[in-house]
Amino acid sequence: MSSTGSTYGDIHRYEPARESTAAAIAIVLLTIIEVVFVFLFTLGFVSGWALTDTGNMFLGAVLAVIFVDLAFILALYRKEFLPDVMIVKKRRRKWEDLYVREEDVDGVTFSSESAWEQVKRAVYPYYKR
């Protein structure tokens, strides 16, 4: 499908997930490792290992391993089990970023009111509206 005929919200590319068995087994093993390290961290935290300097560093390292392991689980899940989808987005024009209505894009025409009226309108925008 080419991008020339695409409208807003059309799916430009859709590739289904691979769903490999090796990735599923790896996710299960990493989850078991995650549970073991969470149990170890909880045990150390409740037992007071963090009251010494080396115990504090050990618990910090265990917490780091927990988050790195979780990152690998999520990365494998995203890569192997979520489809790759690209949706066409609507590109906004620059005047839309300024919250200008489409009919006011070209501005307003110069009126023939007096200079004093223009000063009043500049100072107080709601004058005579």
Protein backbone atom coordinates (compact mmCIF):
# COMPACT_ATOMS: atom_id res chain seq x y z
CA MET A 1 0.00 0.00 0.00
CA SER A 2 1.52 3.34 -0.96
CA SER A 3 1.34 6.44 1.20
CA THR A 4 0.01 8.69 -1.59
CA GLY A 5 -3.62 7.55 -1.32
CA SER A 6 -3.68 7.17 2.45
CA THR A 7 -6.07 9.14 4.56
CA TYR A 8 -5.98 9.93 8.25
CA GLY A 9 -6.25 6.83 10.41
CA ASP A 10 -5.54 4.29 7.65
CA ILE A 11 -3.22 1.44 8.53
CA HIS A 12 -0.16 1.95 6.37
CA ARG A 13 1.71 -1.23 7.34
CA TYR A 14 0.62 -4.24 9.39
CA GLU A 15 2.96 -7.14 10.07
CA PRO A 16 1.58 -9.81 12.41
CA ALA A 17 3.66 -10.96 15.36
CA ARG A 18 6.02 -13.92 14.92
CA GLU A 19 5.02 -15.59 18.22
CA SER A 20 8.06 -17.86 18.35
CA THR A 21 8.23 -20.72 20.83
CA ALA A 22 11.83 -19.91 21.78
CA ALA A 23 10.79 -16.40 22.82
CA ALA A 24 7.93 -17.79 24.91
CA ILE A 25 10.29 -20.19 26.69
CA ALA A 26 12.82 -17.37 27.25
CA ILE A 27 10.10 -15.15 28.72
CA VAL A 28 9.00 -17.91 31.09
CA LEU A 29 12.59 -18.54 32.25
CA LEU A 30 13.27 -14.82 32.69
CA THR A 31 10.04 -14.52 34.69
CA ILE A 32 11.14 -17.33 37.01
CA ILE A 33 14.50 -15.57 37.49
CA GLU A 34 12.59 -12.33 38.13
CA VAL A 35 10.50 -13.96 40.87
CA VAL A 36 13.63 -15.41 42.52
CA PHE A 37 15.37 -12.04 42.60
CA VAL A 38 12.24 -10.27 43.90
CA PHE A 39 12.02 -12.87 46.68
CA LEU A 40 15.73 -12.36 47.46
CA PHE A 41 15.30 -8.57 47.56
CA THR A 42 12.23 -8.83 49.80
CA LEU A 43 13.99 -11.27 52.13
CA GLY A 44 17.04 -9.02 52.38
CA PHE A 45 14.93 -5.92 52.93
CA VAL A 46 12.85 -7.51 55.70
CA SER A 47 15.92 -9.14 57.34
CA GLY A 48 17.76 -5.82 57.53
CA TRP A 49 20.65 -6.57 55.16
CA ALA A 50 20.60 -2.93 54.08
CA LEU A 51 21.82 -1.76 57.48
CA THR A 52 25.44 -2.53 56.54
CA ASP A 53 27.36 -0.94 53.66
CA THR A 54 27.98 -4.18 51.76
CA GLY A 55 24.42 -5.39 52.34
CA ASN A 56 23.09 -2.07 51.06
CA MET A 57 25.19 -2.37 47.88
CA PHE A 58 24.08 -5.99 47.48
CA LEU A 59 20.41 -5.07 47.71
CA GLY A 60 20.99 -2.23 45.25
CA ALA A 61 22.60 -4.66 42.82
CA VAL A 62 19.72 -7.12 43.24
CA LEU A 63 17.24 -4.32 42.53
CA ALA A 64 19.23 -3.37 39.41
CA VAL A 65 19.15 -7.00 38.22
CA ILE A 66 15.37 -7.06 38.79
CA PHE A 67 14.83 -4.04 36.52
CA VAL A 68 17.27 -5.25 33.84
CA ASP A 69 15.55 -8.64 33.79
CA LEU A 70 12.16 -6.93 33.50
CA ALA A 71 13.50 -4.84 30.62
CA PHE A 72 14.55 -8.01 28.77
CA ILE A 73 11.13 -9.59 29.36
CA LEU A 74 9.34 -6.52 27.99
CA ALA A 75 11.69 -6.19 25.02
CA LEU A 76 11.17 -9.84 24.05
CA TYR A 77 7.42 -9.49 24.44
CA ARG A 78 7.27 -6.36 22.28
CA LYS A 79 9.48 -7.85 19.57
CA GLU A 80 7.91 -11.28 19.33
CA PHE A 81 4.27 -10.95 20.42
CA LEU A 82 3.04 -7.48 19.40
CA PRO A 83 2.20 -6.74 15.75
CA ASP A 84 4.10 -4.05 13.87
CA VAL A 85 1.51 -1.44 12.90
CA MET A 86 2.05 1.93 11.23
CA ILE A 87 -0.94 4.28 11.15
CA VAL A 88 -1.10 7.34 8.90
CA LYS A 89 -1.13 10.52 10.96
CA LYS A 90 -2.54 13.87 9.91
CA ARG A 91 0.15 16.50 9.50
CA ARG A 92 -0.98 19.81 10.93
CA ARG A 93 -0.29 23.06 9.16
CA LYS A 94 1.66 25.77 10.96
CA TRP A 95 -1.33 28.06 11.46
CA GLU A 96 -3.13 25.22 13.28
CA ASP A 97 -0.41 25.26 15.94
CA LEU A 98 -1.36 28.86 16.72
CA TYR A 99 -5.03 27.92 17.27
CA VAL A 100 -6.15 30.02 14.32
CA ARG A 101 -9.43 29.09 12.67
CA GLU A 102 -9.26 28.12 9.00
CA GLU A 103 -11.31 31.11 7.87
CA ASP A 104 -8.91 33.47 9.71
CA VAL A 105 -5.73 32.14 8.09
CA ASP A 106 -5.23 35.19 5.89
CA GLY A 107 -5.87 37.62 8.74
CA VAL A 108 -8.32 40.47 8.79
CA THR A 109 -8.50 43.30 6.30
CA PHE A 110 -7.43 46.79 7.26
CA SER A 111 -10.44 48.74 8.43
CA SER A 112 -11.01 52.42 7.87
CA GLU A 113 -11.60 53.20 11.54
CA SER A 114 -9.69 56.02 13.18
CA ALA A 115 -6.26 55.57 14.72
CA TRP A 116 -7.69 56.18 18.19
CA GLU A 117 -10.20 53.32 17.71
CA GLN A 118 -7.37 51.01 16.68
CA VAL A 119 -5.39 51.95 19.81
CA LYS A 120 -8.45 51.23 21.97
CA ARG A 121 -8.86 47.84 20.26
CA ALA A 122 -5.16 47.00 20.74
CA VAL A 123 -5.27 47.88 24.45
CA TYR A 124 -8.63 46.28 25.14
CA PRO A 125 -9.27 43.41 22.66
CA TYR A 126 -12.99 43.08 23.49
CA TYR A 127 -13.77 46.71 22.63
CA LYS A 128 -16.88 46.89 20.37
CA ARG A 129 -17.34 43.18 19.74
